[in-house]
N, C-alpha and C. Protein backbone atom coordinates (compact mmCIF):
# COMPACT_ATOMS: atom_id res chain seq x y z
N UNK A 1 0.84 -1.18 0.00
CA UNK A 1 0.00 0.00 0.00
C UNK A 1 0.89 1.24 0.00
N UNK A 2 0.61 2.19 -0.89
CA UNK A 2 1.37 3.43 -0.94
C UNK A 2 0.78 4.43 0.03
N UNK A 3 1.63 5.18 0.68
CA UNK A 3 1.20 6.20 1.61
C UNK A 3 1.67 7.54 1.06
N UNK A 4 0.79 8.24 0.36
CA UNK A 4 1.14 9.50 -0.26
C UNK A 4 0.67 10.63 0.64
N UNK A 5 1.58 11.15 1.45
CA UNK A 5 1.24 12.21 2.37
C UNK A 5 2.01 13.45 1.94
N UNK A 6 1.31 14.35 1.30
CA UNK A 6 1.97 15.57 0.85
C UNK A 6 1.23 16.76 1.43
N UNK A 7 1.98 17.66 1.96
CA UNK A 7 1.40 18.86 2.52
C UNK A 7 1.79 20.02 1.63
N UNK A 8 0.82 20.77 1.19
CA UNK A 8 1.11 21.85 0.24
C UNK A 8 1.64 23.09 0.94
N UNK A 9 1.37 23.25 2.21
CA UNK A 9 1.87 24.43 2.93
C UNK A 9 2.03 24.09 4.40
N UNK A 10 2.68 25.00 5.10
CA UNK A 10 2.83 24.82 6.55
C UNK A 10 1.73 25.55 7.30
N UNK A 11 0.63 25.85 6.63
CA UNK A 11 -0.48 26.55 7.22
C UNK A 11 -1.12 25.67 8.30
N UNK A 12 -1.21 26.18 9.50
CA UNK A 12 -1.79 25.40 10.61
C UNK A 12 -3.25 25.07 10.37
N UNK A 13 -3.90 25.79 9.44
CA UNK A 13 -5.30 25.55 9.15
C UNK A 13 -5.52 24.34 8.24
N UNK A 14 -4.45 23.80 7.66
CA UNK A 14 -4.61 22.66 6.75
C UNK A 14 -4.02 21.41 7.42
N UNK A 15 -4.85 20.69 8.17
CA UNK A 15 -4.35 19.51 8.87
C UNK A 15 -3.95 18.40 7.91
N UNK A 16 -3.01 17.58 8.35
CA UNK A 16 -2.57 16.43 7.57
C UNK A 16 -3.44 15.25 7.97
N UNK A 17 -3.93 14.54 6.97
CA UNK A 17 -4.78 13.38 7.24
C UNK A 17 -3.95 12.28 7.89
N UNK A 18 -4.52 11.57 8.87
CA UNK A 18 -3.79 10.46 9.49
C UNK A 18 -3.50 9.37 8.46
N UNK A 19 -2.42 8.68 8.66
CA UNK A 19 -2.01 7.60 7.75
C UNK A 19 -1.84 6.35 8.58
N UNK A 20 -2.34 5.25 8.07
CA UNK A 20 -2.19 3.96 8.75
C UNK A 20 -0.70 3.65 8.89
N UNK A 21 -0.31 3.15 10.05
CA UNK A 21 1.10 2.81 10.27
C UNK A 21 1.43 1.57 9.45
N UNK A 22 2.39 1.70 8.53
CA UNK A 22 2.75 0.54 7.70
C UNK A 22 3.59 -0.46 8.50
N UNK A 23 3.72 -1.67 7.97
CA UNK A 23 4.58 -2.67 8.59
C UNK A 23 6.03 -2.23 8.54
N UNK A 24 6.86 -2.88 9.31
CA UNK A 24 8.27 -2.50 9.44
C UNK A 24 8.97 -2.41 8.08
N UNK A 25 8.80 -3.41 7.24
CA UNK A 25 9.48 -3.42 5.95
C UNK A 25 8.94 -2.38 4.98
N UNK A 26 7.82 -1.75 5.30
CA UNK A 26 7.27 -0.69 4.46
C UNK A 26 7.72 0.70 4.90
N UNK A 27 8.42 0.79 6.01
CA UNK A 27 8.92 2.08 6.50
C UNK A 27 10.18 2.47 5.74
N UNK A 28 10.16 3.64 5.13
CA UNK A 28 11.35 4.15 4.46
C UNK A 28 12.50 4.31 5.45
N UNK A 29 12.19 4.84 6.63
CA UNK A 29 13.25 5.06 7.62
C UNK A 29 13.93 3.75 8.01
N UNK A 30 13.17 2.67 8.11
CA UNK A 30 13.78 1.39 8.45
C UNK A 30 14.64 0.86 7.30
N UNK A 31 14.17 1.02 6.07
CA UNK A 31 14.96 0.56 4.92
C UNK A 31 16.29 1.30 4.85
N UNK A 32 16.28 2.61 5.10
CA UNK A 32 17.53 3.38 5.11
C UNK A 32 18.43 2.96 6.26
N UNK A 33 17.85 2.77 7.43
CA UNK A 33 18.59 2.34 8.62
C UNK A 33 19.23 0.97 8.38
N UNK A 34 18.45 0.03 7.87
CA UNK A 34 18.95 -1.33 7.64
C UNK A 34 20.04 -1.32 6.56
N UNK A 35 19.84 -0.54 5.50
CA UNK A 35 20.83 -0.46 4.43
C UNK A 35 22.14 0.14 4.94
N UNK A 36 22.03 1.19 5.75
CA UNK A 36 23.23 1.82 6.31
C UNK A 36 24.00 0.85 7.20
N UNK A 37 23.28 0.17 8.08
CA UNK A 37 23.94 -0.81 8.96
C UNK A 37 24.56 -1.95 8.16
N UNK A 38 23.84 -2.44 7.16
CA UNK A 38 24.33 -3.55 6.35
C UNK A 38 25.60 -3.14 5.59
N UNK A 39 25.57 -1.96 4.99
CA UNK A 39 26.72 -1.48 4.23
C UNK A 39 27.94 -1.32 5.14
N UNK A 40 27.72 -0.77 6.32
CA UNK A 40 28.83 -0.58 7.26
C UNK A 40 29.40 -1.93 7.68
N UNK A 41 28.54 -2.90 7.98
CA UNK A 41 29.03 -4.24 8.37
C UNK A 41 29.83 -4.89 7.25
N UNK A 42 29.40 -4.70 6.01
CA UNK A 42 30.14 -5.26 4.88
C UNK A 42 31.49 -4.57 4.69
N UNK A 43 31.54 -3.27 4.97
CA UNK A 43 32.73 -2.46 4.71
C UNK A 43 33.79 -2.59 5.80
N UNK A 44 33.37 -2.84 7.04
CA UNK A 44 34.30 -2.87 8.18
C UNK A 44 35.49 -3.81 7.98
N UNK A 45 35.30 -5.05 7.53
CA UNK A 45 36.48 -5.92 7.35
C UNK A 45 37.51 -5.35 6.36
N UNK A 46 37.04 -4.64 5.37
CA UNK A 46 37.95 -4.02 4.40
C UNK A 46 38.70 -2.85 5.04
N UNK A 47 38.00 -2.08 5.87
CA UNK A 47 38.64 -0.96 6.55
C UNK A 47 39.64 -1.44 7.60
N UNK A 48 39.36 -2.57 8.22
CA UNK A 48 40.29 -3.11 9.21
C UNK A 48 41.66 -3.39 8.60
N UNK A 49 41.69 -3.75 7.32
CA UNK A 49 42.97 -3.96 6.63
C UNK A 49 43.77 -2.66 6.56
N UNK A 50 43.06 -1.53 6.56
CA UNK A 50 43.71 -0.22 6.51
C UNK A 50 44.01 0.31 7.91
N UNK A 51 43.40 -0.29 8.93
CA UNK A 51 43.62 0.14 10.30
C UNK A 51 42.82 1.36 10.71
N UNK A 52 41.67 1.59 10.05
CA UNK A 52 40.83 2.73 10.40
C UNK A 52 39.38 2.28 10.55
N UNK A 53 38.62 3.08 11.28
CA UNK A 53 37.18 2.85 11.41
C UNK A 53 36.47 3.57 10.26
N UNK A 54 35.19 3.32 10.11
CA UNK A 54 34.44 3.97 9.03
C UNK A 54 34.44 5.50 9.17
N UNK A 55 34.12 6.06 10.35
CA UNK A 55 34.15 7.52 10.46
C UNK A 55 35.56 8.09 10.20
N UNK A 56 36.61 7.39 10.65
CA UNK A 56 37.97 7.85 10.39
C UNK A 56 38.25 7.84 8.89
N UNK A 57 37.78 6.80 8.22
CA UNK A 57 37.94 6.69 6.77
C UNK A 57 37.29 7.88 6.07
N UNK A 58 36.10 8.29 6.52
CA UNK A 58 35.42 9.42 5.90
C UNK A 58 36.24 10.70 6.03
N UNK A 59 36.87 10.91 7.18
CA UNK A 59 37.74 12.07 7.37
C UNK A 59 38.87 12.03 6.34
N UNK A 60 39.50 10.87 6.20
CA UNK A 60 40.60 10.73 5.25
C UNK A 60 40.13 11.00 3.82
N UNK A 61 38.95 10.51 3.47
CA UNK A 61 38.42 10.73 2.11
C UNK A 61 38.30 12.23 1.83
N UNK A 62 37.75 12.98 2.79
CA UNK A 62 37.62 14.43 2.59
C UNK A 62 38.99 15.07 2.41
N UNK A 63 39.96 14.68 3.23
CA UNK A 63 41.29 15.27 3.13
C UNK A 63 41.99 14.87 1.83
N UNK A 64 41.81 13.64 1.36
CA UNK A 64 42.38 13.23 0.07
C UNK A 64 41.77 14.04 -1.07
N UNK A 65 40.48 14.29 -0.95
CA UNK A 65 39.76 14.99 -2.02
C UNK A 65 40.02 16.49 -2.01
N UNK A 66 40.06 17.10 -0.83
CA UNK A 66 40.05 18.56 -0.74
C UNK A 66 41.29 19.18 -0.11
N UNK A 67 42.20 18.36 0.39
CA UNK A 67 43.40 18.91 1.04
C UNK A 67 43.09 19.36 2.46
N UNK A 68 44.01 20.14 3.06
CA UNK A 68 43.84 20.56 4.46
C UNK A 68 42.49 21.25 4.68
N UNK A 69 41.88 20.94 5.83
CA UNK A 69 40.56 21.48 6.15
C UNK A 69 40.51 21.93 7.60
N UNK A 70 39.74 22.97 7.85
CA UNK A 70 39.46 23.36 9.22
C UNK A 70 38.54 22.33 9.87
N UNK A 71 38.62 22.22 11.18
CA UNK A 71 37.79 21.25 11.90
C UNK A 71 36.31 21.55 11.66
N UNK A 72 35.93 22.81 11.66
CA UNK A 72 34.54 23.17 11.41
C UNK A 72 34.07 22.76 10.03
N UNK A 73 34.95 22.93 9.04
CA UNK A 73 34.61 22.53 7.68
C UNK A 73 34.42 21.02 7.59
N UNK A 74 35.32 20.28 8.24
CA UNK A 74 35.20 18.81 8.26
C UNK A 74 33.87 18.40 8.91
N UNK A 75 33.57 19.01 10.04
CA UNK A 75 32.33 18.68 10.76
C UNK A 75 31.12 18.91 9.86
N UNK A 76 31.13 20.02 9.15
CA UNK A 76 30.01 20.34 8.26
C UNK A 76 29.90 19.34 7.11
N UNK A 77 31.01 19.05 6.45
CA UNK A 77 30.97 18.12 5.31
C UNK A 77 30.55 16.72 5.73
N UNK A 78 30.99 16.30 6.92
CA UNK A 78 30.71 14.94 7.39
C UNK A 78 29.41 14.85 8.18
N UNK A 79 28.77 16.02 8.40
CA UNK A 79 27.54 16.08 9.19
C UNK A 79 27.75 15.49 10.59
N UNK A 80 28.86 15.92 11.21
CA UNK A 80 29.20 15.47 12.56
C UNK A 80 29.30 16.69 13.46
N UNK A 81 29.07 16.49 14.74
CA UNK A 81 29.27 17.59 15.67
C UNK A 81 30.72 17.57 16.17
N UNK A 82 31.15 18.71 16.71
CA UNK A 82 32.53 18.83 17.20
C UNK A 82 32.84 17.83 18.29
N UNK A 83 31.86 17.56 19.15
CA UNK A 83 32.07 16.63 20.25
C UNK A 83 32.40 15.22 19.79
N UNK A 84 31.94 14.85 18.62
CA UNK A 84 32.25 13.54 18.04
C UNK A 84 33.54 13.61 17.23
N UNK A 85 33.69 14.68 16.47
CA UNK A 85 34.82 14.79 15.55
C UNK A 85 36.16 15.01 16.26
N UNK A 86 36.20 15.87 17.26
CA UNK A 86 37.48 16.20 17.91
C UNK A 86 38.21 14.99 18.48
N UNK A 87 37.55 14.13 19.29
CA UNK A 87 38.26 12.95 19.79
C UNK A 87 38.67 12.00 18.66
N UNK A 88 37.85 11.93 17.62
CA UNK A 88 38.19 11.06 16.49
C UNK A 88 39.46 11.57 15.81
N UNK A 89 39.57 12.89 15.65
CA UNK A 89 40.77 13.45 15.03
C UNK A 89 42.01 13.16 15.87
N UNK A 90 41.86 13.19 17.19
CA UNK A 90 42.99 12.83 18.07
C UNK A 90 43.44 11.40 17.81
N UNK A 91 42.47 10.49 17.65
CA UNK A 91 42.82 9.08 17.40
C UNK A 91 43.49 8.91 16.04
N UNK A 92 43.00 9.62 15.03
CA UNK A 92 43.62 9.52 13.70
C UNK A 92 45.04 10.10 13.75
N UNK A 93 45.19 11.18 14.51
CA UNK A 93 46.52 11.79 14.66
C UNK A 93 47.47 10.83 15.37
N UNK A 94 46.97 10.12 16.37
CA UNK A 94 47.83 9.16 17.10
C UNK A 94 48.28 8.01 16.21
N UNK A 95 47.56 7.77 15.12
CA UNK A 95 47.95 6.74 14.15
C UNK A 95 48.97 7.28 13.14
N UNK A 96 49.26 8.57 13.24
CA UNK A 96 50.24 9.18 12.35
C UNK A 96 49.71 9.51 10.96
N UNK A 97 48.39 9.61 10.82
CA UNK A 97 47.80 9.84 9.50
C UNK A 97 47.50 11.32 9.22
N UNK A 98 47.33 12.11 10.28
CA UNK A 98 47.03 13.54 10.13
C UNK A 98 47.79 14.33 11.18
N UNK A 99 47.84 15.64 10.97
CA UNK A 99 48.28 16.57 12.01
C UNK A 99 47.18 17.60 12.19
N UNK A 100 47.10 18.14 13.38
CA UNK A 100 46.16 19.23 13.68
C UNK A 100 46.99 20.41 14.17
N UNK A 101 46.79 21.56 13.55
CA UNK A 101 47.56 22.74 13.97
C UNK A 101 46.66 23.97 13.98
N UNK A 102 46.87 24.77 15.00
CA UNK A 102 46.15 26.05 15.08
C UNK A 102 46.76 27.00 14.05
N UNK A 103 45.92 27.81 13.45
CA UNK A 103 46.44 28.77 12.47
C UNK A 103 47.02 29.97 13.21
N UNK A 104 48.16 30.48 12.75
CA UNK A 104 48.78 31.63 13.42
C UNK A 104 47.87 32.87 13.40
N UNK A 105 47.10 33.05 12.34
CA UNK A 105 46.25 34.24 12.23
C UNK A 105 45.01 34.18 13.11
N UNK A 106 44.58 32.97 13.47
CA UNK A 106 43.39 32.81 14.32
C UNK A 106 43.58 31.55 15.16
N UNK A 107 43.98 31.74 16.40
CA UNK A 107 44.28 30.61 17.30
C UNK A 107 43.08 29.70 17.54
N UNK A 108 41.87 30.21 17.27
CA UNK A 108 40.68 29.37 17.48
C UNK A 108 40.51 28.35 16.36
N UNK A 109 41.08 28.62 15.22
CA UNK A 109 40.90 27.74 14.04
C UNK A 109 41.98 26.67 14.01
N UNK A 110 41.54 25.41 13.92
CA UNK A 110 42.45 24.27 13.84
C UNK A 110 42.33 23.67 12.44
N UNK A 111 43.47 23.50 11.77
CA UNK A 111 43.49 22.94 10.42
C UNK A 111 44.04 21.52 10.49
N UNK A 112 43.36 20.63 9.81
CA UNK A 112 43.75 19.21 9.76
C UNK A 112 44.41 18.95 8.41
N UNK A 113 45.60 18.33 8.46
CA UNK A 113 46.38 18.06 7.26
C UNK A 113 46.83 16.61 7.27
N UNK A 114 46.87 16.00 6.10
CA UNK A 114 47.38 14.62 5.98
C UNK A 114 48.89 14.61 6.17
N UNK A 115 49.39 13.58 6.82
CA UNK A 115 50.83 13.34 6.88
C UNK A 115 51.22 12.52 5.65
N UNK A 116 52.52 12.30 5.49
CA UNK A 116 52.98 11.45 4.38
C UNK A 116 52.36 10.06 4.49
N UNK A 117 52.25 9.57 5.71
CA UNK A 117 51.63 8.25 5.93
C UNK A 117 50.15 8.27 5.53
N UNK A 118 49.45 9.35 5.87
CA UNK A 118 48.04 9.48 5.49
C UNK A 118 47.87 9.57 3.99
N UNK A 119 48.79 10.26 3.32
CA UNK A 119 48.73 10.37 1.86
C UNK A 119 48.98 9.01 1.22
N UNK A 120 49.96 8.27 1.75
CA UNK A 120 50.30 6.97 1.15
C UNK A 120 49.20 5.93 1.37
N UNK A 121 48.38 6.12 2.40
CA UNK A 121 47.28 5.18 2.65
C UNK A 121 46.25 5.21 1.52
N UNK A 122 46.22 6.30 0.78
CA UNK A 122 45.26 6.42 -0.32
C UNK A 122 45.47 5.31 -1.36
N UNK A 123 46.70 4.98 -1.69
CA UNK A 123 46.98 3.95 -2.69
C UNK A 123 46.42 2.60 -2.24
N UNK A 124 46.65 2.24 -0.97
CA UNK A 124 46.10 0.99 -0.44
C UNK A 124 44.58 1.02 -0.45
N UNK A 125 44.02 2.19 -0.20
CA UNK A 125 42.56 2.34 -0.18
C UNK A 125 41.98 2.11 -1.57
N UNK A 126 42.65 2.60 -2.60
CA UNK A 126 42.16 2.40 -3.96
C UNK A 126 42.09 0.91 -4.29
N UNK A 127 43.09 0.16 -3.89
CA UNK A 127 43.09 -1.30 -4.10
C UNK A 127 41.95 -1.94 -3.32
N UNK A 128 41.80 -1.52 -2.06
CA UNK A 128 40.75 -2.07 -1.19
C UNK A 128 39.37 -1.79 -1.77
N UNK A 129 39.16 -0.59 -2.31
CA UNK A 129 37.84 -0.25 -2.87
C UNK A 129 37.51 -1.12 -4.07
N UNK A 130 38.49 -1.40 -4.90
CA UNK A 130 38.27 -2.30 -6.03
C UNK A 130 37.81 -3.67 -5.56
N UNK A 131 38.48 -4.18 -4.52
CA UNK A 131 38.09 -5.47 -3.94
C UNK A 131 36.69 -5.40 -3.35
N UNK A 132 36.39 -4.30 -2.67
CA UNK A 132 35.09 -4.16 -2.02
C UNK A 132 33.95 -4.14 -3.03
N UNK A 133 34.11 -3.37 -4.11
CA UNK A 133 33.04 -3.31 -5.11
C UNK A 133 32.82 -4.66 -5.78
N UNK A 134 33.89 -5.43 -5.97
CA UNK A 134 33.73 -6.80 -6.49
C UNK A 134 32.98 -7.66 -5.47
N UNK A 135 33.31 -7.50 -4.20
CA UNK A 135 32.68 -8.25 -3.11
C UNK A 135 31.18 -7.99 -3.05
N UNK A 136 30.76 -6.75 -3.34
CA UNK A 136 29.33 -6.42 -3.28
C UNK A 136 28.52 -7.20 -4.30
N UNK A 137 29.15 -7.59 -5.38
CA UNK A 137 28.50 -8.44 -6.38
C UNK A 137 27.23 -7.80 -6.95
N UNK A 138 27.32 -6.50 -7.22
CA UNK A 138 26.21 -5.76 -7.84
C UNK A 138 26.78 -4.95 -9.00
N UNK A 139 26.01 -4.76 -10.05
CA UNK A 139 26.50 -3.96 -11.18
C UNK A 139 26.84 -2.53 -10.73
N UNK A 140 27.96 -2.02 -11.22
CA UNK A 140 28.41 -0.69 -10.84
C UNK A 140 27.38 0.38 -11.17
N UNK A 141 26.66 0.24 -12.28
CA UNK A 141 25.66 1.25 -12.63
C UNK A 141 24.51 1.26 -11.62
N UNK A 142 24.15 0.12 -11.05
CA UNK A 142 23.11 0.07 -10.01
C UNK A 142 23.61 0.75 -8.74
N UNK A 143 24.86 0.50 -8.38
CA UNK A 143 25.43 1.14 -7.18
C UNK A 143 25.51 2.65 -7.37
N UNK A 144 25.90 3.08 -8.55
CA UNK A 144 25.99 4.52 -8.84
C UNK A 144 24.61 5.16 -8.80
N UNK A 145 23.61 4.50 -9.37
CA UNK A 145 22.25 5.02 -9.34
C UNK A 145 21.73 5.12 -7.90
N UNK A 146 21.99 4.10 -7.10
CA UNK A 146 21.57 4.11 -5.70
C UNK A 146 22.22 5.27 -4.96
N UNK A 147 23.52 5.45 -5.14
CA UNK A 147 24.24 6.55 -4.49
C UNK A 147 23.64 7.89 -4.90
N UNK A 148 23.41 8.08 -6.20
CA UNK A 148 22.85 9.34 -6.70
C UNK A 148 21.46 9.60 -6.12
N UNK A 149 20.64 8.57 -6.03
CA UNK A 149 19.29 8.73 -5.48
C UNK A 149 19.34 9.06 -3.99
N UNK A 150 20.28 8.46 -3.27
CA UNK A 150 20.41 8.77 -1.84
C UNK A 150 20.90 10.20 -1.63
N UNK A 151 21.83 10.66 -2.47
CA UNK A 151 22.27 12.06 -2.38
C UNK A 151 21.10 13.00 -2.65
N UNK A 152 20.30 12.67 -3.64
CA UNK A 152 19.12 13.48 -3.95
C UNK A 152 18.17 13.51 -2.75
N UNK A 153 17.97 12.36 -2.13
CA UNK A 153 17.10 12.29 -0.95
C UNK A 153 17.62 13.20 0.16
N UNK A 154 18.91 13.14 0.44
CA UNK A 154 19.49 13.96 1.51
C UNK A 154 19.32 15.45 1.20
N UNK A 155 19.48 15.83 -0.06
CA UNK A 155 19.33 17.24 -0.44
C UNK A 155 17.88 17.70 -0.44
N UNK A 156 16.95 16.81 -0.76
CA UNK A 156 15.57 17.22 -1.03
C UNK A 156 14.59 16.98 0.11
N UNK A 157 14.80 15.95 0.92
CA UNK A 157 13.80 15.58 1.93
C UNK A 157 13.82 16.54 3.11
N UNK A 158 12.65 16.88 3.57
CA UNK A 158 12.53 17.73 4.75
C UNK A 158 12.31 19.18 4.37
N UNK A 159 11.99 19.98 5.38
CA UNK A 159 11.73 21.40 5.12
C UNK A 159 13.01 22.12 4.73
N UNK A 160 12.85 23.13 3.92
CA UNK A 160 13.98 23.97 3.52
C UNK A 160 14.04 25.16 4.47
N UNK A 161 15.25 25.57 4.80
CA UNK A 161 15.40 26.74 5.65
C UNK A 161 15.20 27.99 4.81
N UNK A 162 14.25 28.80 5.23
CA UNK A 162 13.99 30.07 4.58
C UNK A 162 13.17 30.89 5.56
N UNK A 163 12.97 32.17 5.28
CA UNK A 163 12.15 32.96 6.20
C UNK A 163 10.75 32.37 6.36
N UNK A 164 10.24 31.69 5.34
CA UNK A 164 8.89 31.13 5.41
C UNK A 164 8.83 29.84 6.22
N UNK A 165 9.97 29.19 6.42
CA UNK A 165 9.99 27.93 7.16
C UNK A 165 10.95 28.07 8.34
N UNK A 166 10.41 28.29 9.54
CA UNK A 166 11.28 28.44 10.70
C UNK A 166 11.99 27.14 11.02
N UNK A 167 13.17 27.25 11.66
CA UNK A 167 13.94 26.06 12.04
C UNK A 167 13.15 25.16 12.98
N UNK A 168 12.56 25.75 13.99
CA UNK A 168 11.79 24.96 14.96
C UNK A 168 10.37 25.49 14.98
N UNK A 169 9.45 24.61 14.75
CA UNK A 169 8.05 24.99 14.81
C UNK A 169 7.55 24.82 16.24
N UNK A 170 6.89 25.83 16.76
CA UNK A 170 6.34 25.72 18.10
C UNK A 170 4.97 25.07 18.01
N UNK A 171 4.77 24.08 18.84
CA UNK A 171 3.49 23.38 18.87
C UNK A 171 2.56 24.07 19.85
N UNK A 172 1.31 24.20 19.47
CA UNK A 172 0.32 24.79 20.37
C UNK A 172 0.03 23.81 21.48
N UNK A 173 -0.11 24.33 22.72
CA UNK A 173 -0.39 23.40 23.82
C UNK A 173 -1.86 23.20 24.01
């Protein structure tokens, strides 16, 4: 059964019709949750060969792609809060893969840079990714389509921030 719940405006005068609660396998949120957990479980053994966790790997990917980054920029790109990212950066630094340095012009800003060891890990990662995609046993075009659709979902789903849509809606008591 399809559940098409679309609201044309945030007008409090236009109530949303109740929708029957679908079964677990019909919940989009559960499908995304299960897929994320499954993908991470499949990927972990490959990352263990590199000696990094999945979140640490994501930090390295950003640095390989974009070069040195401020901690705030990393947090934003990875959709992580500082409280999670800062201790993780310390652990990656203790592995000798990155350095963290305050900028002379602004002592509050910390820039994260790859070390030679962090840069060289990229080559091993490229080999590992080739093995991983073969392990998934799915056509590359299907994986690419899935990735593109998930990116579209992340960009499109939910309210947009604008003057017409407040960040937090106050509920009437």
